[in-house]
Amino acid sequence: MKMIMAIVQADDAHKVTQALNEAGYRVTRMATQGGWLRRENATLLVGVEDTRVDDVLRILRKAAQRRMAYVNVPGEVMGAYHPQPLEVEVGGATVFVLNVERFERPAGEAKG
């Protein structure tokens, strides 16, 4: 079994969660914040069998696409102060696939 941890922009989180749910995956969503741009993110946790990892990754790629956006960056960036918005690439998903040593579901909870 694997735990897929995907960090997506908050703007994409609903779309990604919905796409995963429609494909039959359970998702836990946590509100998080990026360090560099200090923008709101969502960290999604999806537990899956090893054989389903590629399907989840496909859904993530499709639902959380990268795009260019202008963002206000607080403070200094690479040694220079930027009072005007910077064009940066946002979106997509940063994904970690972790081995799960043990998995338990509460007694009486339905599978699937």
C-alpha atoms as a PDB file:
ATOM      1  CA  MET A   1       0.000   0.000   0.000  1.00  0.00           C
ATOM      2  CA  LYS A   2       1.116   3.583  -0.710  1.00  0.00           C
ATOM      3  CA  MET A   3       0.296   6.999   0.710  1.00  0.00           C
ATOM      4  CA  ILE A   4       0.247   9.690  -1.944  1.00  0.00           C
ATOM      5  CA  MET A   5       0.801  13.158  -0.535  1.00  0.00           C
ATOM      6  CA  ALA A   6       0.062  15.857  -3.116  1.00  0.00           C
ATOM      7  CA  ILE A   7       0.520  19.578  -2.516  1.00  0.00           C
ATOM      8  CA  VAL A   8      -1.663  21.657  -4.829  1.00  0.00           C
ATOM      9  CA  GLN A   9      -2.696  25.298  -4.981  1.00  0.00           C
ATOM     10  CA  ALA A  10      -5.805  26.084  -2.969  1.00  0.00           C
ATOM     11  CA  ASP A  11      -7.429  27.297  -6.207  1.00  0.00           C
ATOM     12  CA  ASP A  12      -7.047  23.776  -7.648  1.00  0.00           C
ATOM     13  CA  ALA A  13      -7.858  21.755  -4.516  1.00  0.00           C
ATOM     14  CA  HIS A  14     -11.619  21.424  -5.060  1.00  0.00           C
ATOM     15  CA  LYS A  15     -11.213  20.366  -8.700  1.00  0.00           C
ATOM     16  CA  VAL A  16      -8.508  17.817  -7.809  1.00  0.00           C
ATOM     17  CA  THR A  17     -10.443  16.418  -4.837  1.00  0.00           C
ATOM     18  CA  GLN A  18     -13.597  16.118  -6.921  1.00  0.00           C
ATOM     19  CA  ALA A  19     -11.746  14.318  -9.732  1.00  0.00           C
ATOM     20  CA  LEU A  20     -10.217  11.846  -7.276  1.00  0.00           C
ATOM     21  CA  ASN A  21     -13.568  11.245  -5.532  1.00  0.00           C
ATOM     22  CA  GLU A  22     -15.315  10.654  -8.873  1.00  0.00           C
ATOM     23  CA  ALA A  23     -12.672   8.019  -9.664  1.00  0.00           C
ATOM     24  CA  GLY A  24     -13.455   6.294  -6.359  1.00  0.00           C
ATOM     25  CA  TYR A  25     -10.556   7.536  -4.226  1.00  0.00           C
ATOM     26  CA  ARG A  26     -10.930   8.822  -0.675  1.00  0.00           C
ATOM     27  CA  VAL A  27      -9.027  12.039  -0.033  1.00  0.00           C
ATOM     28  CA  THR A  28      -8.055  13.855   3.140  1.00  0.00           C
ATOM     29  CA  ARG A  29      -7.464  17.586   2.584  1.00  0.00           C
ATOM     30  CA  MET A  30      -5.363  19.783   4.865  1.00  0.00           C
ATOM     31  CA  ALA A  31      -4.924  23.540   4.466  1.00  0.00           C
ATOM     32  CA  THR A  32      -1.244  24.429   4.137  1.00  0.00           C
ATOM     33  CA  GLN A  33       0.824  27.412   3.030  1.00  0.00           C
ATOM     34  CA  GLY A  34       3.779  27.628   0.694  1.00  0.00           C
ATOM     35  CA  GLY A  35       7.034  29.018   2.001  1.00  0.00           C
ATOM     36  CA  TRP A  36       8.351  31.071  -0.899  1.00  0.00           C
ATOM     37  CA  LEU A  37       5.203  32.655  -2.367  1.00  0.00           C
ATOM     38  CA  ARG A  38       3.347  32.390   0.957  1.00  0.00           C
ATOM     39  CA  ARG A  39       0.189  31.404  -0.882  1.00  0.00           C
ATOM     40  CA  GLU A  40      -2.456  29.055   0.394  1.00  0.00           C
ATOM     41  CA  ASN A  41      -2.063  25.428  -0.639  1.00  0.00           C
ATOM     42  CA  ALA A  42      -3.856  22.211   0.112  1.00  0.00           C
ATOM     43  CA  THR A  43      -2.079  19.005   1.011  1.00  0.00           C
ATOM     44  CA  LEU A  44      -4.058  15.984  -0.131  1.00  0.00           C
ATOM     45  CA  LEU A  45      -3.534  12.509   1.306  1.00  0.00           C
ATOM     46  CA  VAL A  46      -4.672   9.472  -0.680  1.00  0.00           C
ATOM     47  CA  GLY A  47      -4.080   5.901   0.463  1.00  0.00           C
ATOM     48  CA  VAL A  48      -4.028   3.429  -2.436  1.00  0.00           C
ATOM     49  CA  GLU A  49      -2.929  -0.043  -3.387  1.00  0.00           C
ATOM     50  CA  ASP A  50       0.407  -0.125  -5.221  1.00  0.00           C
ATOM     51  CA  THR A  51      -1.288  -0.970  -8.526  1.00  0.00           C
ATOM     52  CA  ARG A  52      -3.407   2.228  -8.428  1.00  0.00           C
ATOM     53  CA  VAL A  53      -0.610   4.774  -7.924  1.00  0.00           C
ATOM     54  CA  ASP A  54      -0.254   5.531 -11.642  1.00  0.00           C
ATOM     55  CA  ASP A  55      -3.999   6.183 -11.948  1.00  0.00           C
ATOM     56  CA  VAL A  56      -3.910   8.718  -9.096  1.00  0.00           C
ATOM     57  CA  LEU A  57      -0.850  10.417 -10.609  1.00  0.00           C
ATOM     58  CA  ARG A  58      -2.654  10.663 -13.970  1.00  0.00           C
ATOM     59  CA  ILE A  59      -5.647  12.329 -12.297  1.00  0.00           C
ATOM     60  CA  LEU A  60      -3.361  14.759 -10.447  1.00  0.00           C
ATOM     61  CA  ARG A  61      -1.571  15.735 -13.670  1.00  0.00           C
ATOM     62  CA  LYS A  62      -4.865  16.343 -15.464  1.00  0.00           C
ATOM     63  CA  ALA A  63      -6.684  18.224 -12.670  1.00  0.00           C
ATOM     64  CA  ALA A  64      -3.803  20.371 -11.336  1.00  0.00           C
ATOM     65  CA  GLN A  65      -2.219  21.874 -14.429  1.00  0.00           C
ATOM     66  CA  ARG A  66       0.614  24.398 -14.366  1.00  0.00           C
ATOM     67  CA  ARG A  67       0.009  27.938 -15.592  1.00  0.00           C
ATOM     68  CA  MET A  68       1.610  31.372 -15.488  1.00  0.00           C
ATOM     69  CA  ALA A  69       0.311  33.973 -13.015  1.00  0.00           C
ATOM     70  CA  TYR A  70       1.339  37.315 -11.590  1.00  0.00           C
ATOM     71  CA  VAL A  71       1.885  37.235  -7.846  1.00  0.00           C
ATOM     72  CA  ASN A  72       2.955  39.759  -5.248  1.00  0.00           C
ATOM     73  CA  VAL A  73       6.069  38.414  -3.600  1.00  0.00           C
ATOM     74  CA  PRO A  74       6.689  39.831  -0.131  1.00  0.00           C
ATOM     75  CA  GLY A  75      10.204  40.994   0.756  1.00  0.00           C
ATOM     76  CA  GLU A  76      13.334  40.157  -1.164  1.00  0.00           C
ATOM     77  CA  VAL A  77      13.550  37.537  -3.857  1.00  0.00           C
ATOM     78  CA  MET A  78      16.998  36.328  -4.888  1.00  0.00           C
ATOM     79  CA  GLY A  79      18.658  39.384  -3.290  1.00  0.00           C
ATOM     80  CA  ALA A  80      16.402  42.021  -4.858  1.00  0.00           C
ATOM     81  CA  TYR A  81      13.224  43.736  -3.664  1.00  0.00           C
ATOM     82  CA  HIS A  82      10.313  43.440  -6.116  1.00  0.00           C
ATOM     83  CA  PRO A  83       7.591  46.061  -5.541  1.00  0.00           C
ATOM     84  CA  GLN A  84       5.726  44.879  -8.642  1.00  0.00           C
ATOM     85  CA  PRO A  85       4.129  41.487  -9.177  1.00  0.00           C
ATOM     86  CA  LEU A  86       6.330  38.790 -10.674  1.00  0.00           C
ATOM     87  CA  GLU A  87       5.240  36.378 -13.367  1.00  0.00           C
ATOM     88  CA  VAL A  88       5.721  32.873 -12.004  1.00  0.00           C
ATOM     89  CA  GLU A  89       4.594  29.375 -12.872  1.00  0.00           C
ATOM     90  CA  VAL A  90       1.887  28.174 -10.467  1.00  0.00           C
ATOM     91  CA  GLY A  91      -0.308  25.125 -10.247  1.00  0.00           C
ATOM     92  CA  GLY A  92       0.582  21.545 -10.804  1.00  0.00           C
ATOM     93  CA  ALA A  93       1.200  19.214  -7.909  1.00  0.00           C
ATOM     94  CA  THR A  94       4.209  18.380  -5.819  1.00  0.00           C
ATOM     95  CA  VAL A  95       3.764  14.686  -5.114  1.00  0.00           C
ATOM     96  CA  PHE A  96       5.342  12.270  -2.656  1.00  0.00           C
ATOM     97  CA  VAL A  97       4.609   8.532  -2.856  1.00  0.00           C
ATOM     98  CA  LEU A  98       5.330   6.883   0.491  1.00  0.00           C
ATOM     99  CA  ASN A  99       5.352   3.239   1.523  1.00  0.00           C
ATOM    100  CA  VAL A 100       2.727   2.392   4.138  1.00  0.00           C
ATOM    101  CA  GLU A 101       3.882  -0.129   6.690  1.00  0.00           C
ATOM    102  CA  ARG A 102       0.470  -0.567   8.295  1.00  0.00           C
ATOM    103  CA  PHE A 103      -3.084   0.552   7.518  1.00  0.00           C
ATOM    104  CA  GLU A 104      -6.136   0.275   9.768  1.00  0.00           C
ATOM    105  CA  ARG A 105      -9.687   1.410   9.134  1.00  0.00           C
ATOM    106  CA  PRO A 106     -12.147   2.010  12.010  1.00  0.00           C
ATOM    107  CA  ALA A 107     -14.238  -1.069  12.805  1.00  0.00           C
ATOM    108  CA  GLY A 108     -17.537  -1.114  10.952  1.00  0.00           C
ATOM    109  CA  GLU A 109     -16.472   1.368   8.263  1.00  0.00           C
ATOM    110  CA  ALA A 110     -17.446   0.281   4.772  1.00  0.00           C
ATOM    111  CA  LYS A 111     -14.707  -0.510   2.276  1.00  0.00           C
ATOM    112  CA  GLY A 112     -14.332   1.382  -0.967  1.00  0.00           C
END
